[in-house]
Amino acid sequence: MNIIKLKYCHEDTQTSASAPDLKCGCFLSSFRYWSFKCFQRFFNVTSARKKYFHVQIDNINEYLATGTSFRALAFSFRMGKTTVADIVYATCSAIWQQLVEVHMARPTQEDFKNIANDYYRLWQFPICLGSIDGKHCRMKCPAKSGSSFYNYKQYFSIILQGVADANKRFISIEVGGKGKQSDGGTFHYSTLNSLMDNGGLHIPPPDNLPGTTLESPYVFLGDEAYPLKIHLMRPFPSRNLNDKNEYFNKRLSRARKCIECASGILYAKWRIFSKPIETNVEHACLIIKTACLLHNVIRDLEGNDCNSQNYDTNLTPGAHYADLNRRNNSSSQAARNIRNQFANYFWDRKI
């Protein structure tokens, strides 16, 4: 039996290639629009046959958007379970290879400056490069892993560490941390931290805070689980807060919610995150990376005018506790001076 006839016919290619109505807010139309734009490139990196293109796209779309199991998809498309799994893995790999340099390219200094301008325009936080947070993504207990992936919420997970811009797009992601790790520990061993320390992140040189002659380095924003560094700001400790420091915490949290909103939108669109991912660690990382990349694709195609407050950040936050290794959260005097400078700046310019 010809599987294509179950849902689509080959002649639909011409009509489906037209651009969707982006105002409808339907991610399915945007996904299908991207699919046909990259039709030829898709087959250059997979062993797929062109006449099964629709089936493969629908397999990956239904899997990510609904979290349907491989066995249920196999019944739906009248394929073998292993065939469906291979299609999902191959399509995720093709999407990542072809689109990562388009929709999640490594930021340049000019890109970082544009992100900082958006943060100041939308959230009134100057010279900010992005907000960072870790999320626990549920997964089936990996074989012979013991309690390595068992988190403080009492389920098995793999950690997604993401950095979002002012428009809730991911500009950097790292996947693969074990569930037992805290956000601070995950960041300490991440590539982002290494690049930040050795100057390989292309961070722009220090700039003046708007309306002043005070020079300050560009910074990322994190919560209490992250260390205070020259290029990474975290809130003041909750103990012995004065009014000025408390106001700084509010302004930082106001701008940092972009990563929380990005995670909420990711969760709302790709319901694969509402259930444990039943694959091995390597394929789970690939699926999570692909979902984050498709999140950016949709944001780029549909625009950034959606109301993020309608999305609930139901992805379980990472561990908001200090890592047992205290060196992760130790801060230098220079970093504390920069945070104090931001606190004074916001206190003099309340909104």
C-alpha atoms as a PDB file:
ATOM      1  CA  MET A   1       0.000   0.000   0.000  1.00  0.00           C
ATOM      2  CA  ASN A   2       1.287   3.452  -0.863  1.00  0.00           C
ATOM      3  CA  ILE A   3       1.785   5.213   2.487  1.00  0.00           C
ATOM      4  CA  ILE A   4       1.744   8.642   0.852  1.00  0.00           C
ATOM      5  CA  LYS A   5      -1.934   8.281  -0.002  1.00  0.00           C
ATOM      6  CA  LEU A   6      -2.844   8.021   3.671  1.00  0.00           C
ATOM      7  CA  LYS A   7      -2.536  11.791   4.095  1.00  0.00           C
ATOM      8  CA  TYR A   8      -1.051  13.521   1.109  1.00  0.00           C
ATOM      9  CA  CYS A   9      -0.498  13.133  -2.590  1.00  0.00           C
ATOM     10  CA  HIS A  10       2.636  14.133  -4.460  1.00  0.00           C
ATOM     11  CA  GLU A  11       0.807  16.911  -6.322  1.00  0.00           C
ATOM     12  CA  ASP A  12       0.317  18.816  -3.041  1.00  0.00           C
ATOM     13  CA  THR A  13       3.951  19.926  -3.251  1.00  0.00           C
ATOM     14  CA  GLN A  14       3.177  22.883  -5.510  1.00  0.00           C
ATOM     15  CA  THR A  15       0.319  24.256  -3.432  1.00  0.00           C
ATOM     16  CA  SER A  16       2.005  23.704  -0.065  1.00  0.00           C
ATOM     17  CA  ALA A  17       5.132  25.557  -1.090  1.00  0.00           C
ATOM     18  CA  SER A  18       3.433  28.934  -0.868  1.00  0.00           C
ATOM     19  CA  ALA A  19       4.181  31.007   2.189  1.00  0.00           C
ATOM     20  CA  PRO A  20       1.694  30.586   5.064  1.00  0.00           C
ATOM     21  CA  ASP A  21      -0.407  33.229   6.672  1.00  0.00           C
ATOM     22  CA  LEU A  22       2.013  34.149   9.451  1.00  0.00           C
ATOM     23  CA  LYS A  23      -0.660  36.087  11.350  1.00  0.00           C
ATOM     24  CA  CYS A  24      -2.577  32.911  12.115  1.00  0.00           C
ATOM     25  CA  GLY A  25      -0.015  31.881  14.733  1.00  0.00           C
ATOM     26  CA  CYS A  26      -0.066  28.295  13.505  1.00  0.00           C
ATOM     27  CA  PHE A  27       3.348  26.722  13.853  1.00  0.00           C
ATOM     28  CA  LEU A  28       2.283  23.852  11.591  1.00  0.00           C
ATOM     29  CA  SER A  29       2.024  26.149   8.562  1.00  0.00           C
ATOM     30  CA  SER A  30       5.399  27.715   9.281  1.00  0.00           C
ATOM     31  CA  PHE A  31       6.977  24.286   9.720  1.00  0.00           C
ATOM     32  CA  ARG A  32       5.549  23.068   6.423  1.00  0.00           C
ATOM     33  CA  TYR A  33       6.655  26.300   4.700  1.00  0.00           C
ATOM     34  CA  TRP A  34      10.217  25.719   5.946  1.00  0.00           C
ATOM     35  CA  SER A  35      10.011  22.082   4.898  1.00  0.00           C
ATOM     36  CA  PHE A  36       9.452  22.827   1.245  1.00  0.00           C
ATOM     37  CA  LYS A  37      11.919  25.697   1.140  1.00  0.00           C
ATOM     38  CA  CYS A  38      14.619  23.269   2.270  1.00  0.00           C
ATOM     39  CA  PHE A  39      13.211  20.353   0.277  1.00  0.00           C
ATOM     40  CA  GLN A  40      16.341  19.592  -1.740  1.00  0.00           C
ATOM     41  CA  ARG A  41      18.803  20.218   1.103  1.00  0.00           C
ATOM     42  CA  PHE A  42      16.848  17.832   3.322  1.00  0.00           C
ATOM     43  CA  PHE A  43      17.485  14.934   0.988  1.00  0.00           C
ATOM     44  CA  ASN A  44      21.144  15.795   0.568  1.00  0.00           C
ATOM     45  CA  VAL A  45      21.817  14.858   4.195  1.00  0.00           C
ATOM     46  CA  THR A  46      19.431  11.916   4.640  1.00  0.00           C
ATOM     47  CA  SER A  47      18.759   8.654   2.875  1.00  0.00           C
ATOM     48  CA  ALA A  48      15.079   9.544   2.506  1.00  0.00           C
ATOM     49  CA  ARG A  49      13.175   9.075  -0.712  1.00  0.00           C
ATOM     50  CA  LYS A  50      11.372  12.115  -2.073  1.00  0.00           C
ATOM     51  CA  LYS A  51       8.010  10.415  -2.416  1.00  0.00           C
ATOM     52  CA  TYR A  52       7.997   9.757   1.357  1.00  0.00           C
ATOM     53  CA  PHE A  53       8.839  13.359   2.218  1.00  0.00           C
ATOM     54  CA  HIS A  54       5.390  14.178   3.668  1.00  0.00           C
ATOM     55  CA  VAL A  55       5.340  11.073   5.827  1.00  0.00           C
ATOM     56  CA  GLN A  56       8.751  11.843   7.313  1.00  0.00           C
ATOM     57  CA  ILE A  57       7.846  15.462   8.054  1.00  0.00           C
ATOM     58  CA  ASP A  58       4.557  14.406   9.635  1.00  0.00           C
ATOM     59  CA  ASN A  59       6.339  11.786  11.739  1.00  0.00           C
ATOM     60  CA  ILE A  60       8.758  14.260  13.277  1.00  0.00           C
ATOM     61  CA  ASN A  61       6.084  16.953  13.572  1.00  0.00           C
ATOM     62  CA  GLU A  62       3.616  14.733  15.413  1.00  0.00           C
ATOM     63  CA  TYR A  63       6.334  13.274  17.621  1.00  0.00           C
ATOM     64  CA  LEU A  64       7.645  16.643  18.801  1.00  0.00           C
ATOM     65  CA  ALA A  65       4.305  18.471  18.887  1.00  0.00           C
ATOM     66  CA  THR A  66       2.313  15.817  20.761  1.00  0.00           C
ATOM     67  CA  GLY A  67       4.881  13.523  22.397  1.00  0.00           C
ATOM     68  CA  THR A  68       3.229  10.492  20.792  1.00  0.00           C
ATOM     69  CA  SER A  69       5.224   7.321  21.349  1.00  0.00           C
ATOM     70  CA  PHE A  70       7.065   5.584  18.523  1.00  0.00           C
ATOM     71  CA  ARG A  71       4.711   2.624  18.813  1.00  0.00           C
ATOM     72  CA  ALA A  72       1.606   4.812  18.427  1.00  0.00           C
ATOM     73  CA  LEU A  73       3.168   6.563  15.416  1.00  0.00           C
ATOM     74  CA  ALA A  74       3.955   3.184  13.919  1.00  0.00           C
ATOM     75  CA  PHE A  75       0.279   2.210  14.085  1.00  0.00           C
ATOM     76  CA  SER A  76      -0.806   5.601  12.715  1.00  0.00           C
ATOM     77  CA  PHE A  77       1.496   5.534   9.680  1.00  0.00           C
ATOM     78  CA  ARG A  78       1.477   1.733   9.231  1.00  0.00           C
ATOM     79  CA  MET A  79       5.212   1.486   9.657  1.00  0.00           C
ATOM     80  CA  GLY A  80       7.476  -0.468  11.930  1.00  0.00           C
ATOM     81  CA  LYS A  81       8.428   1.024  15.284  1.00  0.00           C
ATOM     82  CA  THR A  82      12.128   0.954  14.397  1.00  0.00           C
ATOM     83  CA  THR A  83      11.403   2.615  11.041  1.00  0.00           C
ATOM     84  CA  VAL A  84       9.549   5.467  12.757  1.00  0.00           C
ATOM     85  CA  ALA A  85      12.377   5.920  15.266  1.00  0.00           C
ATOM     86  CA  ASP A  86      14.970   5.999  12.474  1.00  0.00           C
ATOM     87  CA  ILE A  87      12.895   8.591  10.590  1.00  0.00           C
ATOM     88  CA  VAL A  88      12.666  10.818  13.676  1.00  0.00           C
ATOM     89  CA  TYR A  89      16.397  10.603  14.399  1.00  0.00           C
ATOM     90  CA  ALA A  90      17.434  11.160  10.778  1.00  0.00           C
ATOM     91  CA  THR A  91      15.057  14.098  10.331  1.00  0.00           C
ATOM     92  CA  CYS A  92      16.163  15.725  13.587  1.00  0.00           C
ATOM     93  CA  SER A  93      19.786  15.367  12.504  1.00  0.00           C
ATOM     94  CA  ALA A  94      19.026  16.880   9.075  1.00  0.00           C
ATOM     95  CA  ILE A  95      17.133  19.810  10.596  1.00  0.00           C
ATOM     96  CA  TRP A  96      19.997  20.524  12.994  1.00  0.00           C
ATOM     97  CA  GLN A  97      22.690  20.318  10.320  1.00  0.00           C
ATOM     98  CA  GLN A  98      20.879  22.523   7.820  1.00  0.00           C
ATOM     99  CA  LEU A  99      19.349  25.207  10.044  1.00  0.00           C
ATOM    100  CA  VAL A 100      21.624  25.706  13.035  1.00  0.00           C
ATOM    101  CA  GLU A 101      23.819  28.184  11.146  1.00  0.00           C
ATOM    102  CA  VAL A 102      20.737  30.079   9.954  1.00  0.00           C
ATOM    103  CA  HIS A 103      18.510  30.303  13.037  1.00  0.00           C
ATOM    104  CA  MET A 104      20.961  29.704  15.902  1.00  0.00           C
ATOM    105  CA  ALA A 105      24.321  30.836  14.585  1.00  0.00           C
ATOM    106  CA  ARG A 106      27.110  31.719  16.984  1.00  0.00           C
ATOM    107  CA  PRO A 107      26.678  35.439  17.779  1.00  0.00           C
ATOM    108  CA  THR A 108      29.233  37.955  16.583  1.00  0.00           C
ATOM    109  CA  GLN A 109      30.075  41.209  18.356  1.00  0.00           C
ATOM    110  CA  GLU A 110      27.550  43.005  16.142  1.00  0.00           C
ATOM    111  CA  ASP A 111      24.876  40.427  17.013  1.00  0.00           C
ATOM    112  CA  PHE A 112      25.575  40.880  20.717  1.00  0.00           C
ATOM    113  CA  LYS A 113      25.248  44.654  20.372  1.00  0.00           C
ATOM    114  CA  ASN A 114      21.877  44.247  18.643  1.00  0.00           C
ATOM    115  CA  ILE A 115      20.731  41.918  21.439  1.00  0.00           C
ATOM    116  CA  ALA A 116      21.853  44.473  24.034  1.00  0.00           C
ATOM    117  CA  ASN A 117      19.910  47.221  22.228  1.00  0.00           C
ATOM    118  CA  ASP A 118      16.772  45.047  22.257  1.00  0.00           C
ATOM    119  CA  TYR A 119      17.141  44.359  25.978  1.00  0.00           C
ATOM    120  CA  TYR A 120      17.435  48.051  26.724  1.00  0.00           C
ATOM    121  CA  ARG A 121      14.531  48.953  24.421  1.00  0.00           C
ATOM    122  CA  LEU A 122      12.150  46.249  25.648  1.00  0.00           C
ATOM    123  CA  TRP A 123      13.223  45.608  29.233  1.00  0.00           C
ATOM    124  CA  GLN A 124      15.258  48.713  30.149  1.00  0.00           C
ATOM    125  CA  PHE A 125      18.305  46.690  31.141  1.00  0.00           C
ATOM    126  CA  PRO A 126      21.415  48.150  29.451  1.00  0.00           C
ATOM    127  CA  ILE A 127      24.368  46.279  27.891  1.00  0.00           C
ATOM    128  CA  CYS A 128      22.762  42.884  28.488  1.00  0.00           C
ATOM    129  CA  LEU A 129      23.755  39.984  26.221  1.00  0.00           C
ATOM    130  CA  GLY A 130      21.086  37.496  27.258  1.00  0.00           C
ATOM    131  CA  SER A 131      19.452  35.653  30.124  1.00  0.00           C
ATOM    132  CA  ILE A 132      20.540  32.171  31.138  1.00  0.00           C
ATOM    133  CA  ASP A 133      18.802  29.329  32.953  1.00  0.00           C
ATOM    134  CA  GLY A 134      18.768  25.543  33.165  1.00  0.00           C
ATOM    135  CA  LYS A 135      15.744  23.302  32.633  1.00  0.00           C
ATOM    136  CA  HIS A 136      15.166  19.692  33.550  1.00  0.00           C
ATOM    137  CA  CYS A 137      13.760  17.714  30.609  1.00  0.00           C
ATOM    138  CA  ARG A 138      12.132  14.451  31.667  1.00  0.00           C
ATOM    139  CA  MET A 139      13.580  11.253  30.233  1.00  0.00           C
ATOM    140  CA  LYS A 140      13.454   7.528  30.800  1.00  0.00           C
ATOM    141  CA  CYS A 141      16.165   6.274  33.145  1.00  0.00           C
ATOM    142  CA  PRO A 142      19.240   5.549  30.990  1.00  0.00           C
ATOM    143  CA  ALA A 143      20.611   2.033  31.188  1.00  0.00           C
ATOM    144  CA  LYS A 144      23.241   1.445  33.872  1.00  0.00           C
ATOM    145  CA  SER A 145      23.200   5.099  34.952  1.00  0.00           C
ATOM    146  CA  GLY A 146      22.379   4.557  38.608  1.00  0.00           C
ATOM    147  CA  SER A 147      21.172   7.819  40.172  1.00  0.00           C
ATOM    148  CA  SER A 148      23.262  10.118  37.945  1.00  0.00           C
ATOM    149  CA  PHE A 149      20.187  11.439  36.113  1.00  0.00           C
ATOM    150  CA  TYR A 150      17.910  11.471  39.167  1.00  0.00           C
ATOM    151  CA  ASN A 151      17.186  15.085  40.138  1.00  0.00           C
ATOM    152  CA  TYR A 152      16.020  16.805  43.293  1.00  0.00           C
ATOM    153  CA  LYS A 153      12.411  16.725  41.993  1.00  0.00           C
ATOM    154  CA  GLN A 154      12.600  12.936  42.226  1.00  0.00           C
ATOM    155  CA  TYR A 155      12.480  11.990  38.549  1.00  0.00           C
ATOM    156  CA  PHE A 156      15.073  11.266  35.872  1.00  0.00           C
ATOM    157  CA  SER A 157      16.042  14.178  33.636  1.00  0.00           C
ATOM    158  CA  ILE A 158      18.613  15.668  31.337  1.00  0.00           C
ATOM    159  CA  ILE A 159      19.531  19.339  31.670  1.00  0.00           C
ATOM    160  CA  LEU A 160      19.018  21.939  28.959  1.00  0.00           C
ATOM    161  CA  GLN A 161      21.014  25.118  29.603  1.00  0.00           C
ATOM    162  CA  GLY A 162      19.771  27.923  27.395  1.00  0.00           C
ATOM    163  CA  VAL A 163      20.532  31.581  26.778  1.00  0.00           C
ATOM    164  CA  ALA A 164      17.715  33.720  25.366  1.00  0.00           C
ATOM    165  CA  ASP A 165      17.653  37.158  23.778  1.00  0.00           C
ATOM    166  CA  ALA A 166      15.090  39.887  24.434  1.00  0.00           C
ATOM    167  CA  ASN A 167      12.667  38.331  21.912  1.00  0.00           C
ATOM    168  CA  LYS A 168      12.625  34.899  23.607  1.00  0.00           C
ATOM    169  CA  ARG A 169      14.855  33.266  21.004  1.00  0.00           C
ATOM    170  CA  PHE A 170      17.593  30.865  22.017  1.00  0.00           C
ATOM    171  CA  ILE A 171      21.007  32.236  21.089  1.00  0.00           C
ATOM    172  CA  SER A 172      22.909  29.402  22.769  1.00  0.00           C
ATOM    173  CA  ILE A 173      21.975  25.992  24.148  1.00  0.00           C
ATOM    174  CA  GLU A 174      23.865  23.134  25.763  1.00  0.00           C
ATOM    175  CA  VAL A 175      22.203  19.781  26.374  1.00  0.00           C
ATOM    176  CA  GLY A 176      23.498  16.748  28.195  1.00  0.00           C
ATOM    177  CA  GLY A 177      23.966  17.671  31.853  1.00  0.00           C
ATOM    178  CA  LYS A 178      22.917  14.955  34.277  1.00  0.00           C
ATOM    179  CA  GLY A 179      19.802  15.558  36.325  1.00  0.00           C
ATOM    180  CA  LYS A 180      21.634  15.440  39.664  1.00  0.00           C
ATOM    181  CA  GLN A 181      23.684  18.534  38.749  1.00  0.00           C
ATOM    182  CA  SER A 182      22.711  22.004  39.918  1.00  0.00           C
ATOM    183  CA  ASP A 183      22.506  24.978  37.557  1.00  0.00           C
ATOM    184  CA  GLY A 184      25.759  26.316  39.008  1.00  0.00           C
ATOM    185  CA  GLY A 185      27.553  23.025  38.510  1.00  0.00           C
ATOM    186  CA  THR A 186      26.215  22.644  34.970  1.00  0.00           C
ATOM    187  CA  PHE A 187      27.369  26.142  34.085  1.00  0.00           C
ATOM    188  CA  HIS A 188      30.792  25.609  35.666  1.00  0.00           C
ATOM    189  CA  TYR A 189      31.555  22.709  33.309  1.00  0.00           C
ATOM    190  CA  SER A 190      29.820  24.205  30.259  1.00  0.00           C
ATOM    191  CA  THR A 191      31.417  25.417  27.051  1.00  0.00           C
ATOM    192  CA  LEU A 192      29.778  28.809  27.585  1.00  0.00           C
ATOM    193  CA  ASN A 193      31.681  29.328  30.836  1.00  0.00           C
ATOM    194  CA  SER A 194      34.961  28.278  29.225  1.00  0.00           C
ATOM    195  CA  LEU A 195      34.480  30.669  26.314  1.00  0.00           C
ATOM    196  CA  MET A 196      33.483  33.444  28.706  1.00  0.00           C
ATOM    197  CA  ASP A 197      36.677  32.995  30.728  1.00  0.00           C
ATOM    198  CA  ASN A 198      39.148  32.670  27.859  1.00  0.00           C
ATOM    199  CA  GLY A 199      37.685  35.471  25.735  1.00  0.00           C
ATOM    200  CA  GLY A 200      36.405  33.234  22.946  1.00  0.00           C
ATOM    201  CA  LEU A 201      32.790  34.404  23.124  1.00  0.00           C
ATOM    202  CA  HIS A 202      33.228  37.573  21.008  1.00  0.00           C
ATOM    203  CA  ILE A 203      31.804  39.756  23.783  1.00  0.00           C
ATOM    204  CA  PRO A 204      31.975  43.448  22.790  1.00  0.00           C
ATOM    205  CA  PRO A 205      34.359  45.700  24.729  1.00  0.00           C
ATOM    206  CA  PRO A 206      32.992  47.598  27.771  1.00  0.00           C
ATOM    207  CA  ASP A 207      30.601  50.428  27.000  1.00  0.00           C
ATOM    208  CA  ASN A 208      29.081  53.367  28.881  1.00  0.00           C
ATOM    209  CA  LEU A 209      25.793  52.921  30.661  1.00  0.00           C
ATOM    210  CA  PRO A 210      23.131  54.976  28.807  1.00  0.00           C
ATOM    211  CA  GLY A 211      23.099  58.626  29.861  1.00  0.00           C
ATOM    212  CA  THR A 212      26.285  58.341  31.935  1.00  0.00           C
ATOM    213  CA  THR A 213      30.045  58.206  31.589  1.00  0.00           C
ATOM    214  CA  LEU A 214      30.218  55.035  33.715  1.00  0.00           C
ATOM    215  CA  GLU A 215      31.892  52.226  31.790  1.00  0.00           C
ATOM    216  CA  SER A 216      30.663  48.690  32.345  1.00  0.00           C
ATOM    217  CA  PRO A 217      31.248  45.322  30.635  1.00  0.00           C
ATOM    218  CA  TYR A 218      28.462  43.534  28.764  1.00  0.00           C
ATOM    219  CA  VAL A 219      26.766  40.961  30.987  1.00  0.00           C
ATOM    220  CA  PHE A 220      24.517  37.917  30.974  1.00  0.00           C
ATOM    221  CA  LEU A 221      21.728  37.585  33.557  1.00  0.00           C
ATOM    222  CA  GLY A 222      21.263  34.551  35.791  1.00  0.00           C
ATOM    223  CA  ASP A 223      19.377  33.648  38.937  1.00  0.00           C
ATOM    224  CA  GLU A 224      20.677  32.766  42.415  1.00  0.00           C
ATOM    225  CA  ALA A 225      22.005  29.404  41.248  1.00  0.00           C
ATOM    226  CA  TYR A 226      24.666  31.017  39.060  1.00  0.00           C
ATOM    227  CA  PRO A 227      27.973  32.530  40.161  1.00  0.00           C
ATOM    228  CA  LEU A 228      28.650  36.252  40.109  1.00  0.00           C
ATOM    229  CA  LYS A 229      31.228  36.976  37.411  1.00  0.00           C
ATOM    230  CA  ILE A 230      32.390  40.000  35.465  1.00  0.00           C
ATOM    231  CA  HIS A 231      30.191  39.000  32.520  1.00  0.00           C
ATOM    232  CA  LEU A 232      27.428  37.304  34.537  1.00  0.00           C
ATOM    233  CA  MET A 233      25.138  39.104  36.959  1.00  0.00           C
ATOM    234  CA  ARG A 234      23.038  37.402  39.626  1.00  0.00           C
ATOM    235  CA  PRO A 235      20.679  38.890  42.258  1.00  0.00           C
ATOM    236  CA  PHE A 236      21.866  40.116  45.629  1.00  0.00           C
ATOM    237  CA  PRO A 237      21.413  37.511  48.396  1.00  0.00           C
ATOM    238  CA  SER A 238      17.986  37.704  49.994  1.00  0.00           C
ATOM    239  CA  ARG A 239      19.441  38.181  53.468  1.00  0.00           C
ATOM    240  CA  ASN A 240      19.962  41.774  54.635  1.00  0.00           C
ATOM    241  CA  LEU A 241      18.559  43.375  51.467  1.00  0.00           C
ATOM    242  CA  ASN A 242      18.280  47.141  51.422  1.00  0.00           C
ATOM    243  CA  ASP A 243      15.876  49.022  49.156  1.00  0.00           C
ATOM    244  CA  LYS A 244      18.473  49.704  46.466  1.00  0.00           C
ATOM    245  CA  ASN A 245      19.624  46.095  46.210  1.00  0.00           C
ATOM    246  CA  GLU A 246      16.064  44.825  46.247  1.00  0.00           C
ATOM    247  CA  TYR A 247      15.197  47.157  43.379  1.00  0.00           C
ATOM    248  CA  PHE A 248      18.187  45.840  41.417  1.00  0.00           C
ATOM    249  CA  ASN A 249      16.907  42.296  41.952  1.00  0.00           C
ATOM    250  CA  LYS A 250      13.511  43.297  40.563  1.00  0.00           C
ATOM    251  CA  ARG A 251      15.032  44.891  37.481  1.00  0.00           C
ATOM    252  CA  LEU A 252      17.275  41.885  36.891  1.00  0.00           C
ATOM    253  CA  SER A 253      14.374  39.454  37.290  1.00  0.00           C
ATOM    254  CA  ARG A 254      12.258  41.555  34.939  1.00  0.00           C
ATOM    255  CA  ALA A 255      14.833  41.207  32.175  1.00  0.00           C
ATOM    256  CA  ARG A 256      15.776  37.624  33.032  1.00  0.00           C
ATOM    257  CA  LYS A 257      12.240  36.362  32.520  1.00  0.00           C
ATOM    258  CA  CYS A 258      12.960  36.184  28.769  1.00  0.00           C
ATOM    259  CA  ILE A 259      14.575  32.776  29.234  1.00  0.00           C
ATOM    260  CA  GLU A 260      11.634  31.652  31.374  1.00  0.00           C
ATOM    261  CA  CYS A 261       9.200  32.772  28.656  1.00  0.00           C
ATOM    262  CA  ALA A 262      11.272  31.064  25.975  1.00  0.00           C
ATOM    263  CA  SER A 263      11.130  27.813  27.948  1.00  0.00           C
ATOM    264  CA  GLY A 264       7.371  28.211  28.453  1.00  0.00           C
ATOM    265  CA  ILE A 265       6.784  28.764  24.730  1.00  0.00           C
ATOM    266  CA  LEU A 266       9.006  25.777  23.952  1.00  0.00           C
ATOM    267  CA  TYR A 267       6.964  23.637  26.337  1.00  0.00           C
ATOM    268  CA  ALA A 268       3.615  24.876  24.979  1.00  0.00           C
ATOM    269  CA  LYS A 269       4.439  24.141  21.343  1.00  0.00           C
ATOM    270  CA  TRP A 270       6.422  20.907  21.684  1.00  0.00           C
ATOM    271  CA  ARG A 271       4.530  18.609  24.035  1.00  0.00           C
ATOM    272  CA  ILE A 272       7.312  16.038  23.869  1.00  0.00           C
ATOM    273  CA  PHE A 273       8.559  17.838  27.009  1.00  0.00           C
ATOM    274  CA  SER A 274       5.362  16.984  28.927  1.00  0.00           C
ATOM    275  CA  LYS A 275       6.378  13.317  29.170  1.00  0.00           C
ATOM    276  CA  PRO A 276       9.616  11.388  29.631  1.00  0.00           C
ATOM    277  CA  ILE A 277      11.645  11.049  26.448  1.00  0.00           C
ATOM    278  CA  GLU A 278      11.966   7.297  25.904  1.00  0.00           C
ATOM    279  CA  THR A 279      15.277   7.166  24.043  1.00  0.00           C
ATOM    280  CA  ASN A 280      18.927   6.874  24.980  1.00  0.00           C
ATOM    281  CA  VAL A 281      20.862   9.953  26.118  1.00  0.00           C
ATOM    282  CA  GLU A 282      22.408  10.679  22.717  1.00  0.00           C
ATOM    283  CA  HIS A 283      19.074  10.709  20.884  1.00  0.00           C
ATOM    284  CA  ALA A 284      17.389  12.631  23.712  1.00  0.00           C
ATOM    285  CA  CYS A 285      19.992  15.386  23.338  1.00  0.00           C
ATOM    286  CA  LEU A 286      19.362  15.481  19.582  1.00  0.00           C
ATOM    287  CA  ILE A 287      15.587  15.721  20.037  1.00  0.00           C
ATOM    288  CA  ILE A 288      15.881  18.539  22.606  1.00  0.00           C
ATOM    289  CA  LYS A 289      18.322  20.495  20.422  1.00  0.00           C
ATOM    290  CA  THR A 290      16.021  20.124  17.420  1.00  0.00           C
ATOM    291  CA  ALA A 291      13.002  21.366  19.372  1.00  0.00           C
ATOM    292  CA  CYS A 292      14.961  24.448  20.506  1.00  0.00           C
ATOM    293  CA  LEU A 293      16.076  25.109  16.933  1.00  0.00           C
ATOM    294  CA  LEU A 294      12.516  24.767  15.603  1.00  0.00           C
ATOM    295  CA  HIS A 295      11.439  27.170  18.331  1.00  0.00           C
ATOM    296  CA  ASN A 296      13.750  29.754  16.745  1.00  0.00           C
ATOM    297  CA  VAL A 297      12.509  28.896  13.250  1.00  0.00           C
ATOM    298  CA  ILE A 298       8.929  29.546  14.314  1.00  0.00           C
ATOM    299  CA  ARG A 299       9.832  32.794  16.077  1.00  0.00           C
ATOM    300  CA  ASP A 300      11.650  33.995  12.967  1.00  0.00           C
ATOM    301  CA  LEU A 301       8.771  33.096  10.632  1.00  0.00           C
ATOM    302  CA  GLU A 302       5.809  34.108  12.761  1.00  0.00           C
ATOM    303  CA  GLY A 303       7.403  37.118  14.407  1.00  0.00           C
ATOM    304  CA  ASN A 304       7.766  38.062  18.059  1.00  0.00           C
ATOM    305  CA  ASP A 305       4.429  39.758  18.645  1.00  0.00           C
ATOM    306  CA  CYS A 306       2.814  36.961  20.651  1.00  0.00           C
ATOM    307  CA  ASN A 307       1.939  37.642  24.269  1.00  0.00           C
ATOM    308  CA  SER A 308       4.433  35.598  26.253  1.00  0.00           C
ATOM    309  CA  GLN A 309       2.380  36.002  29.414  1.00  0.00           C
ATOM    310  CA  ASN A 310      -0.092  33.487  27.973  1.00  0.00           C
ATOM    311  CA  TYR A 311       2.535  30.771  28.209  1.00  0.00           C
ATOM    312  CA  ASP A 312       3.169  28.991  31.470  1.00  0.00           C
ATOM    313  CA  THR A 313       6.765  28.055  32.169  1.00  0.00           C
ATOM    314  CA  ASN A 314       5.844  24.526  33.179  1.00  0.00           C
ATOM    315  CA  LEU A 315       9.238  23.098  32.400  1.00  0.00           C
ATOM    316  CA  THR A 316      10.646  22.291  35.798  1.00  0.00           C
ATOM    317  CA  PRO A 317      13.271  24.905  36.691  1.00  0.00           C
ATOM    318  CA  GLY A 318      16.796  23.779  37.362  1.00  0.00           C
ATOM    319  CA  ALA A 319      18.036  23.397  40.886  1.00  0.00           C
ATOM    320  CA  HIS A 320      18.025  26.766  42.623  1.00  0.00           C
ATOM    321  CA  TYR A 321      20.493  25.825  45.289  1.00  0.00           C
ATOM    322  CA  ALA A 322      24.186  26.358  45.668  1.00  0.00           C
ATOM    323  CA  ASP A 323      26.466  23.690  44.312  1.00  0.00           C
ATOM    324  CA  LEU A 324      28.365  21.753  46.950  1.00  0.00           C
ATOM    325  CA  ASN A 325      31.575  22.914  45.304  1.00  0.00           C
ATOM    326  CA  ARG A 326      31.700  26.462  46.632  1.00  0.00           C
ATOM    327  CA  ARG A 327      34.221  27.629  44.056  1.00  0.00           C
ATOM    328  CA  ASN A 328      31.418  27.683  41.471  1.00  0.00           C
ATOM    329  CA  ASN A 329      29.700  30.561  43.245  1.00  0.00           C
ATOM    330  CA  SER A 330      32.706  32.488  44.501  1.00  0.00           C
ATOM    331  CA  SER A 331      32.861  36.014  43.106  1.00  0.00           C
ATOM    332  CA  SER A 332      35.630  38.525  42.639  1.00  0.00           C
ATOM    333  CA  GLN A 333      35.647  42.044  43.988  1.00  0.00           C
ATOM    334  CA  ALA A 334      35.546  43.354  40.407  1.00  0.00           C
ATOM    335  CA  ALA A 335      32.298  41.441  39.756  1.00  0.00           C
ATOM    336  CA  ARG A 336      30.760  42.770  42.976  1.00  0.00           C
ATOM    337  CA  ASN A 337      31.741  46.323  42.000  1.00  0.00           C
ATOM    338  CA  ILE A 338      30.035  45.915  38.622  1.00  0.00           C
ATOM    339  CA  ARG A 339      26.850  44.696  40.275  1.00  0.00           C
ATOM    340  CA  ASN A 340      26.924  47.615  42.700  1.00  0.00           C
ATOM    341  CA  GLN A 341      27.368  49.973  39.763  1.00  0.00           C
ATOM    342  CA  PHE A 342      24.259  48.539  38.096  1.00  0.00           C
ATOM    343  CA  ALA A 343      22.369  48.839  41.390  1.00  0.00           C
ATOM    344  CA  ASN A 344      23.288  52.524  41.710  1.00  0.00           C
ATOM    345  CA  TYR A 345      22.373  53.125  38.062  1.00  0.00           C
ATOM    346  CA  PHE A 346      18.890  51.601  38.437  1.00  0.00           C
ATOM    347  CA  TRP A 347      18.289  53.318  41.790  1.00  0.00           C
ATOM    348  CA  ASP A 348      18.927  56.717  40.197  1.00  0.00           C
ATOM    349  CA  ARG A 349      16.739  55.881  37.170  1.00  0.00           C
ATOM    350  CA  LYS A 350      13.626  54.178  38.460  1.00  0.00           C
ATOM    351  CA  ILE A 351      10.844  53.197  36.057  1.00  0.00           C
END
